[in-house]
Amino acid sequence: EERLAAEAKAEQERQDTLKRAAEEQELAEQQAREEEARSLTEAAEVKLIGTLSPEWEDKVNRAMETRSMAAEVAKSMGIGLTRKDLGTVLPQSSADGVGWLNDEVVNGFLNAAVARGLEKVGYVRGAGRVPPYHAFNTNFYNNIRDKGPESVLRWTVRAKISLKSVLQTSKVFVPINDHSHWTLLVVSAQDKTI
């Protein structure tokens, strides 16, 4: 009887230990889900683009005073922008001509917006870390349209935005140029919108 009672007690203790471990695991998973949701909410609330400061207004004005349309006057996330590029988004004299908004400007703007958003939410790049924001370049959509989705698989892997991890992003930007008009496709897994 004593042996059976001891075995029953040991079994009960084992069951209690397993139950506590399961409860602790569930609590840890719940906290991780809440932290991820909080992170996504914070990422969604970040204002990506603000108004230019007077200092930056002066820089832009000086850049626009450059005579050579081919002179590189700015860099945005490593993309060199010429006087002509900036002239496509800023007022300019009719003597300079009015240009079309080009790829360099669109890529530079989106990359700068994403970099600002990542900085504001404190994103640190690392193994297994999905960025809350990402902007594909202006060739992404053209490749999908002309060559199929397989043509951009490496792009999504490099960006750490695969089929599964895209659900962890706040916003993914895809610029589309359809002949002479630009459209910005914004995929928000958090808001479940496109």
C-alpha atoms as a PDB file:
ATOM      1  CA  GLU A   1       0.000   0.000   0.000  1.00  0.00           C
ATOM      2  CA  GLU A   2       2.802   2.400   0.890  1.00  0.00           C
ATOM      3  CA  ARG A   3       4.537   1.640  -2.402  1.00  0.00           C
ATOM      4  CA  LEU A   4       1.321   2.254  -4.372  1.00  0.00           C
ATOM      5  CA  ALA A   5       0.686   5.476  -2.466  1.00  0.00           C
ATOM      6  CA  ALA A   6       4.272   6.640  -3.155  1.00  0.00           C
ATOM      7  CA  GLU A   7       3.900   5.807  -6.869  1.00  0.00           C
ATOM      8  CA  ALA A   8       0.564   7.645  -7.026  1.00  0.00           C
ATOM      9  CA  LYS A   9       2.101  10.647  -5.292  1.00  0.00           C
ATOM     10  CA  ALA A  10       5.085  10.617  -7.683  1.00  0.00           C
ATOM     11  CA  GLU A  11       2.719  10.371 -10.678  1.00  0.00           C
ATOM     12  CA  GLN A  12       0.642  13.281  -9.357  1.00  0.00           C
ATOM     13  CA  GLU A  13       3.800  15.384  -8.888  1.00  0.00           C
ATOM     14  CA  ARG A  14       4.897  14.522 -12.437  1.00  0.00           C
ATOM     15  CA  GLN A  15       1.452  15.526 -13.784  1.00  0.00           C
ATOM     16  CA  ASP A  16       1.570  18.777 -11.777  1.00  0.00           C
ATOM     17  CA  THR A  17       5.053  19.540 -13.137  1.00  0.00           C
ATOM     18  CA  LEU A  18       3.914  18.887 -16.731  1.00  0.00           C
ATOM     19  CA  LYS A  19       0.847  21.056 -16.206  1.00  0.00           C
ATOM     20  CA  ARG A  20       2.944  23.931 -14.792  1.00  0.00           C
ATOM     21  CA  ALA A  21       5.386  23.628 -17.706  1.00  0.00           C
ATOM     22  CA  ALA A  22       2.509  23.727 -20.212  1.00  0.00           C
ATOM     23  CA  GLU A  23       1.006  26.767 -18.476  1.00  0.00           C
ATOM     24  CA  GLU A  24       4.386  28.542 -18.461  1.00  0.00           C
ATOM     25  CA  GLN A  25       4.859  27.719 -22.159  1.00  0.00           C
ATOM     26  CA  GLU A  26       1.364  29.056 -22.972  1.00  0.00           C
ATOM     27  CA  LEU A  27       2.070  32.226 -20.967  1.00  0.00           C
ATOM     28  CA  ALA A  28       5.391  32.749 -22.772  1.00  0.00           C
ATOM     29  CA  GLU A  29       3.709  32.251 -26.165  1.00  0.00           C
ATOM     30  CA  GLN A  30       0.922  34.667 -25.212  1.00  0.00           C
ATOM     31  CA  GLN A  31       3.461  37.292 -24.126  1.00  0.00           C
ATOM     32  CA  ALA A  32       5.351  36.828 -27.410  1.00  0.00           C
ATOM     33  CA  ARG A  33       2.107  37.285 -29.387  1.00  0.00           C
ATOM     34  CA  GLU A  34       1.262  40.415 -27.391  1.00  0.00           C
ATOM     35  CA  GLU A  35       4.766  41.818 -27.911  1.00  0.00           C
ATOM     36  CA  GLU A  36       4.561  41.159 -31.667  1.00  0.00           C
ATOM     37  CA  ALA A  37       1.120  42.789 -31.839  1.00  0.00           C
ATOM     38  CA  ARG A  38       2.416  45.792 -29.849  1.00  0.00           C
ATOM     39  CA  SER A  39       5.412  46.078 -32.176  1.00  0.00           C
ATOM     40  CA  LEU A  40       3.186  45.950 -35.267  1.00  0.00           C
ATOM     41  CA  THR A  41       0.844  48.561 -33.783  1.00  0.00           C
ATOM     42  CA  GLU A  42       3.767  50.874 -33.035  1.00  0.00           C
ATOM     43  CA  ALA A  43       5.101  50.346 -36.564  1.00  0.00           C
ATOM     44  CA  ALA A  44       1.704  51.212 -38.053  1.00  0.00           C
ATOM     45  CA  GLU A  45       1.517  54.462 -36.068  1.00  0.00           C
ATOM     46  CA  VAL A  46       4.913  55.794 -37.200  1.00  0.00           C
ATOM     47  CA  LYS A  47       4.700  58.829 -39.456  1.00  0.00           C
ATOM     48  CA  LEU A  48       7.201  57.992 -42.176  1.00  0.00           C
ATOM     49  CA  ILE A  49       7.584  61.365 -43.848  1.00  0.00           C
ATOM     50  CA  GLY A  50       7.594  64.700 -42.077  1.00  0.00           C
ATOM     51  CA  THR A  51       7.792  68.307 -43.225  1.00  0.00           C
ATOM     52  CA  LEU A  52      11.204  69.570 -44.300  1.00  0.00           C
ATOM     53  CA  SER A  53      13.037  71.643 -41.738  1.00  0.00           C
ATOM     54  CA  PRO A  54      14.231  75.133 -42.771  1.00  0.00           C
ATOM     55  CA  GLU A  55      17.775  73.709 -42.953  1.00  0.00           C
ATOM     56  CA  TRP A  56      16.658  71.070 -45.463  1.00  0.00           C
ATOM     57  CA  GLU A  57      14.617  73.636 -47.417  1.00  0.00           C
ATOM     58  CA  ASP A  58      17.864  75.619 -47.818  1.00  0.00           C
ATOM     59  CA  LYS A  59      19.733  72.488 -48.970  1.00  0.00           C
ATOM     60  CA  VAL A  60      17.048  71.750 -51.570  1.00  0.00           C
ATOM     61  CA  ASN A  61      17.052  75.341 -52.802  1.00  0.00           C
ATOM     62  CA  ARG A  62      20.856  75.299 -53.159  1.00  0.00           C
ATOM     63  CA  ALA A  63      20.682  72.001 -55.048  1.00  0.00           C
ATOM     64  CA  MET A  64      18.078  73.430 -57.415  1.00  0.00           C
ATOM     65  CA  GLU A  65      20.328  76.422 -58.140  1.00  0.00           C
ATOM     66  CA  THR A  66      22.909  74.078 -59.700  1.00  0.00           C
ATOM     67  CA  ARG A  67      23.161  74.882 -63.411  1.00  0.00           C
ATOM     68  CA  SER A  68      24.078  71.431 -64.693  1.00  0.00           C
ATOM     69  CA  MET A  69      21.033  69.177 -64.990  1.00  0.00           C
ATOM     70  CA  ALA A  70      23.323  66.106 -64.877  1.00  0.00           C
ATOM     71  CA  ALA A  71      25.190  67.125 -61.706  1.00  0.00           C
ATOM     72  CA  GLU A  72      24.554  64.859 -58.746  1.00  0.00           C
ATOM     73  CA  VAL A  73      23.122  67.110 -56.053  1.00  0.00           C
ATOM     74  CA  ALA A  74      21.912  64.622 -53.455  1.00  0.00           C
ATOM     75  CA  LYS A  75      22.007  61.024 -52.356  1.00  0.00           C
ATOM     76  CA  SER A  76      19.070  59.154 -50.892  1.00  0.00           C
ATOM     77  CA  MET A  77      19.940  55.806 -49.344  1.00  0.00           C
ATOM     78  CA  GLY A  78      22.884  55.416 -51.706  1.00  0.00           C
ATOM     79  CA  ILE A  79      20.937  56.433 -54.817  1.00  0.00           C
ATOM     80  CA  GLY A  80      22.489  59.463 -56.522  1.00  0.00           C
ATOM     81  CA  LEU A  81      19.987  62.133 -57.527  1.00  0.00           C
ATOM     82  CA  THR A  82      20.745  64.713 -60.191  1.00  0.00           C
ATOM     83  CA  ARG A  83      19.405  68.240 -60.557  1.00  0.00           C
ATOM     84  CA  LYS A  84      17.137  66.833 -63.280  1.00  0.00           C
ATOM     85  CA  ASP A  85      15.845  64.084 -60.945  1.00  0.00           C
ATOM     86  CA  LEU A  86      14.959  66.595 -58.233  1.00  0.00           C
ATOM     87  CA  GLY A  87      13.392  68.828 -60.870  1.00  0.00           C
ATOM     88  CA  THR A  88      10.792  66.158 -61.555  1.00  0.00           C
ATOM     89  CA  VAL A  89       9.305  66.645 -58.087  1.00  0.00           C
ATOM     90  CA  LEU A  90      10.112  70.295 -57.398  1.00  0.00           C
ATOM     91  CA  PRO A  91       8.911  73.435 -59.144  1.00  0.00           C
ATOM     92  CA  GLN A  92      11.335  74.668 -61.760  1.00  0.00           C
ATOM     93  CA  SER A  93      11.459  77.296 -64.452  1.00  0.00           C
ATOM     94  CA  SER A  94      10.057  76.489 -67.862  1.00  0.00           C
ATOM     95  CA  ALA A  95      13.572  76.990 -69.250  1.00  0.00           C
ATOM     96  CA  ASP A  96      14.635  73.882 -67.316  1.00  0.00           C
ATOM     97  CA  GLY A  97      11.776  71.916 -68.815  1.00  0.00           C
ATOM     98  CA  VAL A  98       9.312  69.803 -66.919  1.00  0.00           C
ATOM     99  CA  GLY A  99      10.426  66.226 -66.467  1.00  0.00           C
ATOM    100  CA  TRP A 100       8.616  63.027 -65.703  1.00  0.00           C
ATOM    101  CA  LEU A 101       8.909  61.531 -62.248  1.00  0.00           C
ATOM    102  CA  ASN A 102      11.643  58.916 -62.688  1.00  0.00           C
ATOM    103  CA  ASP A 103      12.744  55.645 -61.087  1.00  0.00           C
ATOM    104  CA  GLU A 104      15.655  57.152 -59.174  1.00  0.00           C
ATOM    105  CA  VAL A 105      13.425  59.645 -57.393  1.00  0.00           C
ATOM    106  CA  VAL A 106      10.758  57.049 -56.571  1.00  0.00           C
ATOM    107  CA  ASN A 107      13.321  54.508 -55.299  1.00  0.00           C
ATOM    108  CA  GLY A 108      15.192  57.153 -53.306  1.00  0.00           C
ATOM    109  CA  PHE A 109      12.014  58.476 -51.697  1.00  0.00           C
ATOM    110  CA  LEU A 110      10.648  55.056 -50.744  1.00  0.00           C
ATOM    111  CA  ASN A 111      14.003  53.867 -49.400  1.00  0.00           C
ATOM    112  CA  ALA A 112      14.325  57.020 -47.292  1.00  0.00           C
ATOM    113  CA  ALA A 113      10.764  56.624 -45.970  1.00  0.00           C
ATOM    114  CA  VAL A 114      11.384  52.984 -45.041  1.00  0.00           C
ATOM    115  CA  ALA A 115      14.734  53.774 -43.408  1.00  0.00           C
ATOM    116  CA  ARG A 116      13.074  56.475 -41.317  1.00  0.00           C
ATOM    117  CA  GLY A 117      10.281  54.123 -40.288  1.00  0.00           C
ATOM    118  CA  LEU A 118      12.715  51.359 -39.321  1.00  0.00           C
ATOM    119  CA  GLU A 119      14.759  53.832 -37.313  1.00  0.00           C
ATOM    120  CA  LYS A 120      11.683  55.175 -35.507  1.00  0.00           C
ATOM    121  CA  VAL A 121      10.519  51.708 -34.412  1.00  0.00           C
ATOM    122  CA  GLY A 122      14.058  50.694 -33.438  1.00  0.00           C
ATOM    123  CA  TYR A 123      14.310  47.822 -35.913  1.00  0.00           C
ATOM    124  CA  VAL A 124      17.673  46.064 -35.820  1.00  0.00           C
ATOM    125  CA  ARG A 125      18.487  43.782 -38.705  1.00  0.00           C
ATOM    126  CA  GLY A 126      19.268  40.223 -37.677  1.00  0.00           C
ATOM    127  CA  ALA A 127      18.719  36.561 -38.367  1.00  0.00           C
ATOM    128  CA  GLY A 128      15.036  35.727 -38.353  1.00  0.00           C
ATOM    129  CA  ARG A 129      13.987  39.373 -37.823  1.00  0.00           C
ATOM    130  CA  VAL A 130      11.323  40.499 -40.284  1.00  0.00           C
ATOM    131  CA  PRO A 131      11.388  44.223 -41.057  1.00  0.00           C
ATOM    132  CA  PRO A 132       8.096  46.003 -40.321  1.00  0.00           C
ATOM    133  CA  TYR A 133       8.555  48.093 -43.501  1.00  0.00           C
ATOM    134  CA  HIS A 134      10.096  47.342 -46.878  1.00  0.00           C
ATOM    135  CA  ALA A 135      10.077  49.052 -50.270  1.00  0.00           C
ATOM    136  CA  PHE A 136      10.784  47.034 -53.372  1.00  0.00           C
ATOM    137  CA  ASN A 137      12.368  48.945 -56.216  1.00  0.00           C
ATOM    138  CA  THR A 138      10.619  50.085 -59.356  1.00  0.00           C
ATOM    139  CA  ASN A 139      11.615  46.953 -61.285  1.00  0.00           C
ATOM    140  CA  PHE A 140       9.853  44.559 -58.884  1.00  0.00           C
ATOM    141  CA  TYR A 141       6.383  44.886 -60.407  1.00  0.00           C
ATOM    142  CA  ASN A 142       7.714  44.893 -63.980  1.00  0.00           C
ATOM    143  CA  ASN A 143       9.501  41.596 -63.320  1.00  0.00           C
ATOM    144  CA  ILE A 144       6.366  39.998 -61.869  1.00  0.00           C
ATOM    145  CA  ARG A 145       4.274  41.260 -64.796  1.00  0.00           C
ATOM    146  CA  ASP A 146       6.745  40.297 -67.533  1.00  0.00           C
ATOM    147  CA  LYS A 147       8.480  37.199 -66.119  1.00  0.00           C
ATOM    148  CA  GLY A 148       6.128  35.898 -63.436  1.00  0.00           C
ATOM    149  CA  PRO A 149       6.331  35.771 -59.635  1.00  0.00           C
ATOM    150  CA  GLU A 150       9.232  33.298 -59.684  1.00  0.00           C
ATOM    151  CA  SER A 151      11.450  36.084 -61.042  1.00  0.00           C
ATOM    152  CA  VAL A 152      11.314  37.979 -57.740  1.00  0.00           C
ATOM    153  CA  LEU A 153      11.565  35.123 -55.244  1.00  0.00           C
ATOM    154  CA  ARG A 154      15.191  35.955 -54.486  1.00  0.00           C
ATOM    155  CA  TRP A 155      14.246  39.583 -53.938  1.00  0.00           C
ATOM    156  CA  THR A 156      11.693  38.613 -51.292  1.00  0.00           C
ATOM    157  CA  VAL A 157      14.116  36.236 -49.570  1.00  0.00           C
ATOM    158  CA  ARG A 158      16.827  38.921 -49.502  1.00  0.00           C
ATOM    159  CA  ALA A 159      14.310  41.350 -48.012  1.00  0.00           C
ATOM    160  CA  LYS A 160      13.325  38.713 -45.393  1.00  0.00           C
ATOM    161  CA  ILE A 161       9.751  38.935 -46.669  1.00  0.00           C
ATOM    162  CA  SER A 162       8.701  35.482 -47.755  1.00  0.00           C
ATOM    163  CA  LEU A 163       5.173  34.109 -48.032  1.00  0.00           C
ATOM    164  CA  LYS A 164       5.044  33.347 -44.300  1.00  0.00           C
ATOM    165  CA  SER A 165       6.920  36.350 -42.930  1.00  0.00           C
ATOM    166  CA  VAL A 166       4.993  38.931 -44.987  1.00  0.00           C
ATOM    167  CA  LEU A 167       2.235  38.500 -42.389  1.00  0.00           C
ATOM    168  CA  GLN A 168       4.617  39.984 -39.798  1.00  0.00           C
ATOM    169  CA  THR A 169       5.127  43.225 -41.738  1.00  0.00           C
ATOM    170  CA  SER A 170       3.318  46.484 -41.199  1.00  0.00           C
ATOM    171  CA  LYS A 171       3.713  47.870 -44.734  1.00  0.00           C
ATOM    172  CA  VAL A 172       5.362  46.685 -47.937  1.00  0.00           C
ATOM    173  CA  PHE A 173       5.601  49.262 -50.736  1.00  0.00           C
ATOM    174  CA  VAL A 174       5.580  48.292 -54.416  1.00  0.00           C
ATOM    175  CA  PRO A 175       5.910  51.192 -56.888  1.00  0.00           C
ATOM    176  CA  ILE A 176       4.229  50.579 -60.246  1.00  0.00           C
ATOM    177  CA  ASN A 177       4.794  52.565 -63.419  1.00  0.00           C
ATOM    178  CA  ASP A 178       2.117  51.816 -65.960  1.00  0.00           C
ATOM    179  CA  HIS A 179       3.288  53.708 -69.025  1.00  0.00           C
ATOM    180  CA  SER A 180       3.269  57.331 -67.837  1.00  0.00           C
ATOM    181  CA  HIS A 181       1.468  57.014 -64.496  1.00  0.00           C
ATOM    182  CA  TRP A 182       2.815  55.987 -61.108  1.00  0.00           C
ATOM    183  CA  THR A 183       0.849  53.995 -58.561  1.00  0.00           C
ATOM    184  CA  LEU A 184       2.045  52.932 -55.149  1.00  0.00           C
ATOM    185  CA  LEU A 185       0.808  49.528 -54.025  1.00  0.00           C
ATOM    186  CA  VAL A 186       0.904  49.303 -50.232  1.00  0.00           C
ATOM    187  CA  VAL A 187       0.444  45.853 -48.717  1.00  0.00           C
ATOM    188  CA  SER A 188      -0.419  45.925 -45.027  1.00  0.00           C
ATOM    189  CA  ALA A 189      -0.663  42.486 -43.465  1.00  0.00           C
ATOM    190  CA  GLN A 190      -1.484  44.056 -40.116  1.00  0.00           C
ATOM    191  CA  ASP A 191      -4.465  45.981 -41.544  1.00  0.00           C
ATOM    192  CA  LYS A 192      -5.249  43.155 -43.982  1.00  0.00           C
ATOM    193  CA  THR A 193      -5.341  45.673 -46.838  1.00  0.00           C
ATOM    194  CA  ILE A 194      -3.780  46.211 -50.233  1.00  0.00           C
END
